[in-house]
Amino acid sequence: MHVVSVYKGMDSIWSVPPCDKSYLEPRISNYSTWLKQLMGKCSSDEADELAVILSWKACHNRNQDMNGSTSIAATDMLVWGNSFSKYYARLDTTRLFRDSRCPPNVGTVKVNFDAAFPFGKNLYNVAMVARDSNGECVWWSQRQFPGRPRSADGEVRETLHTIMTTKEKA
């Protein structure tokens, strides 16, 4: 919540048009509730879309900062968000969002996995799900590891954990 509501000046974004005076107290700990309340105070569907884009960019900025990369200043976020929204509106999204699920052959499973690095915590999580050719979940696993490795090192650990878990389940 901190990242989208106040991190690096985000509170100034929510207090100007098109979401004028819609900035809410950061005491709300649930992002979904916060976003619903914010969107209810925005002036239009376009403003609602912009709020989602800016929320995403705030999270992206925080990740950029954590990795030592360049991020966009809060003062430039509205201009960036409006430009992104206009660019996106011109795209032929029917080609972008086709069902790209590629199921495995009958009798095999496909394992998808990911790692998450919670902000401000000295731990990280890995999760995986195995699906059959019908897309049904065959098994899943989630595990938490202590420490705060670099993202690349955590993802290597995630890959190794997935391989070991898959061998156990096979």
C-alpha atoms as a PDB file:
ATOM      1  CA  MET A   1       0.000   0.000   0.000  1.00  0.00           C
ATOM      2  CA  HIS A   2       2.813   2.367   0.863  1.00  0.00           C
ATOM      3  CA  VAL A   3       4.264   2.077  -2.647  1.00  0.00           C
ATOM      4  CA  VAL A   4       1.127   3.177  -4.500  1.00  0.00           C
ATOM      5  CA  SER A   5      -0.186   5.621  -1.915  1.00  0.00           C
ATOM      6  CA  VAL A   6       2.783   7.660  -0.666  1.00  0.00           C
ATOM      7  CA  TYR A   7       6.110   6.240  -1.924  1.00  0.00           C
ATOM      8  CA  LYS A   8       8.304   9.005  -3.397  1.00  0.00           C
ATOM      9  CA  GLY A   9       5.497  11.555  -3.658  1.00  0.00           C
ATOM     10  CA  MET A  10       2.663   9.350  -4.924  1.00  0.00           C
ATOM     11  CA  ASP A  11       0.282  11.123  -2.521  1.00  0.00           C
ATOM     12  CA  SER A  12       0.682  14.251  -4.674  1.00  0.00           C
ATOM     13  CA  ILE A  13      -0.548  12.291  -7.728  1.00  0.00           C
ATOM     14  CA  TRP A  14      -3.845  11.316  -6.110  1.00  0.00           C
ATOM     15  CA  SER A  15      -4.608  14.854  -4.911  1.00  0.00           C
ATOM     16  CA  VAL A  16      -4.779  16.504  -8.379  1.00  0.00           C
ATOM     17  CA  PRO A  17      -7.200  16.112 -11.318  1.00  0.00           C
ATOM     18  CA  PRO A  18      -8.473  13.796 -12.688  1.00  0.00           C
ATOM     19  CA  CYS A  19      -8.621  12.186  -9.235  1.00  0.00           C
ATOM     20  CA  ASP A  20      -8.759  15.481  -7.359  1.00  0.00           C
ATOM     21  CA  LYS A  21      -9.051  15.083  -3.604  1.00  0.00           C
ATOM     22  CA  SER A  22      -9.462  11.343  -3.977  1.00  0.00           C
ATOM     23  CA  TYR A  23      -6.240  10.509  -2.147  1.00  0.00           C
ATOM     24  CA  LEU A  24      -7.159   8.243   0.730  1.00  0.00           C
ATOM     25  CA  GLU A  25      -5.455   7.630   4.015  1.00  0.00           C
ATOM     26  CA  PRO A  26      -2.638   5.074   3.723  1.00  0.00           C
ATOM     27  CA  ARG A  27      -4.176   3.291   6.737  1.00  0.00           C
ATOM     28  CA  ILE A  28      -6.054   1.091   4.276  1.00  0.00           C
ATOM     29  CA  SER A  29      -3.842  -1.970   4.087  1.00  0.00           C
ATOM     30  CA  ASN A  30      -5.653  -3.762   1.259  1.00  0.00           C
ATOM     31  CA  TYR A  31      -4.721  -2.525  -2.226  1.00  0.00           C
ATOM     32  CA  SER A  32      -7.950  -3.770  -3.796  1.00  0.00           C
ATOM     33  CA  THR A  33     -10.095  -1.809  -1.306  1.00  0.00           C
ATOM     34  CA  TRP A  34      -7.930   1.287  -1.713  1.00  0.00           C
ATOM     35  CA  LEU A  35      -8.103   1.160  -5.515  1.00  0.00           C
ATOM     36  CA  LYS A  36     -11.897   0.651  -5.509  1.00  0.00           C
ATOM     37  CA  GLN A  37     -12.342   3.673  -3.254  1.00  0.00           C
ATOM     38  CA  LEU A  38      -9.946   5.750  -5.338  1.00  0.00           C
ATOM     39  CA  MET A  39     -11.632   4.784  -8.598  1.00  0.00           C
ATOM     40  CA  GLY A  40     -15.017   5.647  -7.145  1.00  0.00           C
ATOM     41  CA  LYS A  41     -13.812   9.209  -6.660  1.00  0.00           C
ATOM     42  CA  CYS A  42     -12.193   9.633 -10.076  1.00  0.00           C
ATOM     43  CA  SER A  43     -14.048  11.704 -12.630  1.00  0.00           C
ATOM     44  CA  SER A  44     -14.374   9.158 -15.483  1.00  0.00           C
ATOM     45  CA  ASP A  45     -13.539   5.701 -16.808  1.00  0.00           C
ATOM     46  CA  GLU A  46     -10.394   7.191 -18.362  1.00  0.00           C
ATOM     47  CA  ALA A  47      -9.383   8.480 -14.926  1.00  0.00           C
ATOM     48  CA  ASP A  48     -10.010   5.017 -13.454  1.00  0.00           C
ATOM     49  CA  GLU A  49      -7.753   3.509 -16.123  1.00  0.00           C
ATOM     50  CA  LEU A  50      -5.101   6.133 -15.401  1.00  0.00           C
ATOM     51  CA  ALA A  51      -5.254   5.281 -11.681  1.00  0.00           C
ATOM     52  CA  VAL A  52      -4.525   1.621 -12.467  1.00  0.00           C
ATOM     53  CA  ILE A  53      -1.666   2.587 -14.815  1.00  0.00           C
ATOM     54  CA  LEU A  54      -0.145   4.908 -12.207  1.00  0.00           C
ATOM     55  CA  SER A  55      -0.479   2.257  -9.490  1.00  0.00           C
ATOM     56  CA  TRP A  56       1.375  -0.218 -11.700  1.00  0.00           C
ATOM     57  CA  LYS A  57       4.068   2.352 -12.508  1.00  0.00           C
ATOM     58  CA  ALA A  58       4.534   3.156  -8.807  1.00  0.00           C
ATOM     59  CA  CYS A  59       5.284  -0.533  -8.149  1.00  0.00           C
ATOM     60  CA  HIS A  60       7.579  -0.641 -11.183  1.00  0.00           C
ATOM     61  CA  ASN A  61       9.410   2.467  -9.910  1.00  0.00           C
ATOM     62  CA  ARG A  62       9.949   0.883  -6.507  1.00  0.00           C
ATOM     63  CA  ASN A  63      11.403  -2.228  -8.174  1.00  0.00           C
ATOM     64  CA  GLN A  64      13.644  -0.030 -10.333  1.00  0.00           C
ATOM     65  CA  ASP A  65      14.854   1.811  -7.214  1.00  0.00           C
ATOM     66  CA  MET A  66      15.529  -1.453  -5.371  1.00  0.00           C
ATOM     67  CA  ASN A  67      17.630  -2.694  -8.303  1.00  0.00           C
ATOM     68  CA  GLY A  68      19.543   0.568  -8.694  1.00  0.00           C
ATOM     69  CA  SER A  69      17.863   1.465 -12.010  1.00  0.00           C
ATOM     70  CA  THR A  70      16.366   4.777 -13.051  1.00  0.00           C
ATOM     71  CA  SER A  71      12.740   5.461 -12.133  1.00  0.00           C
ATOM     72  CA  ILE A  72      10.301   8.233 -13.026  1.00  0.00           C
ATOM     73  CA  ALA A  73       9.828  11.098 -10.557  1.00  0.00           C
ATOM     74  CA  ALA A  74       6.331  11.519  -9.116  1.00  0.00           C
ATOM     75  CA  THR A  75       6.162  14.965 -10.734  1.00  0.00           C
ATOM     76  CA  ASP A  76       6.430  13.293 -14.176  1.00  0.00           C
ATOM     77  CA  MET A  77       4.038  10.404 -13.497  1.00  0.00           C
ATOM     78  CA  LEU A  78       0.819  12.038 -14.771  1.00  0.00           C
ATOM     79  CA  VAL A  79       2.416  13.035 -18.075  1.00  0.00           C
ATOM     80  CA  TRP A  80       3.924   9.554 -18.464  1.00  0.00           C
ATOM     81  CA  GLY A  81       0.634   7.865 -17.517  1.00  0.00           C
ATOM     82  CA  ASN A  82      -1.410   9.926 -19.975  1.00  0.00           C
ATOM     83  CA  SER A  83       1.091   9.203 -22.761  1.00  0.00           C
ATOM     84  CA  PHE A  84       1.042   5.492 -21.957  1.00  0.00           C
ATOM     85  CA  SER A  85      -2.765   5.461 -21.940  1.00  0.00           C
ATOM     86  CA  LYS A  86      -2.976   7.197 -25.346  1.00  0.00           C
ATOM     87  CA  TYR A  87      -0.367   4.858 -26.839  1.00  0.00           C
ATOM     88  CA  TYR A  88      -2.176   1.799 -25.462  1.00  0.00           C
ATOM     89  CA  ALA A  89      -5.521   3.026 -26.840  1.00  0.00           C
ATOM     90  CA  ARG A  90      -4.023   3.105 -30.366  1.00  0.00           C
ATOM     91  CA  LEU A  91      -2.802  -0.511 -30.196  1.00  0.00           C
ATOM     92  CA  ASP A  92      -4.673  -3.367 -31.800  1.00  0.00           C
ATOM     93  CA  THR A  93      -5.166  -5.285 -28.555  1.00  0.00           C
ATOM     94  CA  THR A  94      -6.959  -8.166 -30.239  1.00  0.00           C
ATOM     95  CA  ARG A  95      -3.533  -9.347 -31.381  1.00  0.00           C
ATOM     96  CA  LEU A  96      -1.901  -8.752 -27.994  1.00  0.00           C
ATOM     97  CA  PHE A  97      -4.232 -10.731 -25.770  1.00  0.00           C
ATOM     98  CA  ARG A  98      -4.856 -13.969 -27.583  1.00  0.00           C
ATOM     99  CA  ASP A  99      -4.991 -17.060 -25.423  1.00  0.00           C
ATOM    100  CA  SER A 100      -1.323 -17.979 -25.390  1.00  0.00           C
ATOM    101  CA  ARG A 101      -1.651 -20.953 -23.045  1.00  0.00           C
ATOM    102  CA  CYS A 102       0.300 -23.803 -24.468  1.00  0.00           C
ATOM    103  CA  PRO A 103      -0.893 -26.976 -22.770  1.00  0.00           C
ATOM    104  CA  PRO A 104       1.438 -29.946 -22.526  1.00  0.00           C
ATOM    105  CA  ASN A 105       0.893 -33.160 -24.438  1.00  0.00           C
ATOM    106  CA  VAL A 106      -1.568 -35.685 -23.015  1.00  0.00           C
ATOM    107  CA  GLY A 107       0.088 -37.656 -20.203  1.00  0.00           C
ATOM    108  CA  THR A 108       2.547 -34.893 -19.228  1.00  0.00           C
ATOM    109  CA  VAL A 109       2.339 -31.889 -16.939  1.00  0.00           C
ATOM    110  CA  LYS A 110       3.533 -28.324 -17.364  1.00  0.00           C
ATOM    111  CA  VAL A 111       5.015 -26.546 -14.346  1.00  0.00           C
ATOM    112  CA  ASN A 112       4.848 -22.750 -14.026  1.00  0.00           C
ATOM    113  CA  PHE A 113       6.802 -21.080 -11.240  1.00  0.00           C
ATOM    114  CA  ASP A 114       7.688 -17.656  -9.875  1.00  0.00           C
ATOM    115  CA  ALA A 115       9.475 -15.932  -7.011  1.00  0.00           C
ATOM    116  CA  ALA A 116       8.285 -12.973  -4.918  1.00  0.00           C
ATOM    117  CA  PHE A 117      10.414 -10.645  -2.814  1.00  0.00           C
ATOM    118  CA  PRO A 118       8.173  -8.863  -0.249  1.00  0.00           C
ATOM    119  CA  PHE A 119       9.223  -5.271   0.330  1.00  0.00           C
ATOM    120  CA  GLY A 120      10.994  -4.647   3.630  1.00  0.00           C
ATOM    121  CA  LYS A 121      11.181  -8.307   4.630  1.00  0.00           C
ATOM    122  CA  ASN A 122      14.231 -10.509   4.999  1.00  0.00           C
ATOM    123  CA  LEU A 123      12.696 -13.409   3.087  1.00  0.00           C
ATOM    124  CA  TYR A 124      11.373 -14.421  -0.298  1.00  0.00           C
ATOM    125  CA  ASN A 125       8.734 -16.830  -1.591  1.00  0.00           C
ATOM    126  CA  VAL A 126       8.681 -19.319  -4.434  1.00  0.00           C
ATOM    127  CA  ALA A 127       5.550 -20.893  -5.832  1.00  0.00           C
ATOM    128  CA  MET A 128       4.747 -23.345  -8.579  1.00  0.00           C
ATOM    129  CA  VAL A 129       1.752 -25.007 -10.138  1.00  0.00           C
ATOM    130  CA  ALA A 130       1.646 -28.118 -12.330  1.00  0.00           C
ATOM    131  CA  ARG A 131      -1.190 -28.503 -14.842  1.00  0.00           C
ATOM    132  CA  ASP A 132      -2.196 -31.332 -17.136  1.00  0.00           C
ATOM    133  CA  SER A 133      -3.188 -31.101 -20.817  1.00  0.00           C
ATOM    134  CA  ASN A 134      -6.703 -29.973 -19.793  1.00  0.00           C
ATOM    135  CA  GLY A 135      -5.353 -27.112 -17.682  1.00  0.00           C
ATOM    136  CA  GLU A 136      -6.333 -28.845 -14.434  1.00  0.00           C
ATOM    137  CA  CYS A 137      -4.053 -28.376 -11.430  1.00  0.00           C
ATOM    138  CA  VAL A 138      -2.221 -31.629 -10.691  1.00  0.00           C
ATOM    139  CA  TRP A 139      -0.235 -30.237  -7.763  1.00  0.00           C
ATOM    140  CA  TRP A 140       1.129 -26.968  -6.445  1.00  0.00           C
ATOM    141  CA  SER A 141       3.766 -25.882  -3.980  1.00  0.00           C
ATOM    142  CA  GLN A 142       4.728 -22.710  -2.148  1.00  0.00           C
ATOM    143  CA  ARG A 143       7.761 -22.211   0.046  1.00  0.00           C
ATOM    144  CA  GLN A 144       9.330 -19.340   1.943  1.00  0.00           C
ATOM    145  CA  PHE A 145      13.099 -18.892   2.230  1.00  0.00           C
ATOM    146  CA  PRO A 146      15.017 -16.690   4.672  1.00  0.00           C
ATOM    147  CA  GLY A 147      17.309 -13.949   3.403  1.00  0.00           C
ATOM    148  CA  ARG A 148      17.173 -11.275   0.747  1.00  0.00           C
ATOM    149  CA  PRO A 149      19.190 -12.421  -2.290  1.00  0.00           C
ATOM    150  CA  ARG A 150      19.506 -10.441  -5.491  1.00  0.00           C
ATOM    151  CA  SER A 151      16.526 -11.112  -7.769  1.00  0.00           C
ATOM    152  CA  ALA A 152      18.614 -13.194 -10.175  1.00  0.00           C
ATOM    153  CA  ASP A 153      19.978 -15.366  -7.339  1.00  0.00           C
ATOM    154  CA  GLY A 154      16.494 -15.823  -5.875  1.00  0.00           C
ATOM    155  CA  GLU A 155      15.165 -16.901  -9.249  1.00  0.00           C
ATOM    156  CA  VAL A 156      17.983 -19.435  -9.608  1.00  0.00           C
ATOM    157  CA  ARG A 157      16.998 -20.822  -6.194  1.00  0.00           C
ATOM    158  CA  GLU A 158      13.368 -20.829  -7.350  1.00  0.00           C
ATOM    159  CA  THR A 159      14.297 -22.816 -10.477  1.00  0.00           C
ATOM    160  CA  LEU A 160      16.302 -25.356  -8.480  1.00  0.00           C
ATOM    161  CA  HIS A 161      13.460 -25.736  -5.962  1.00  0.00           C
ATOM    162  CA  THR A 162      11.024 -26.302  -8.827  1.00  0.00           C
ATOM    163  CA  ILE A 163      13.226 -28.976 -10.382  1.00  0.00           C
ATOM    164  CA  MET A 164      13.670 -30.788  -7.044  1.00  0.00           C
ATOM    165  CA  THR A 165       9.957 -30.588  -6.201  1.00  0.00           C
ATOM    166  CA  THR A 166       8.977 -31.807  -9.671  1.00  0.00           C
ATOM    167  CA  LYS A 167      11.320 -34.798  -9.335  1.00  0.00           C
ATOM    168  CA  GLU A 168       9.730 -35.658  -5.965  1.00  0.00           C
ATOM    169  CA  LYS A 169       6.207 -35.465  -7.406  1.00  0.00           C
ATOM    170  CA  ALA A 170       6.971 -37.422 -10.598  1.00  0.00           C
END
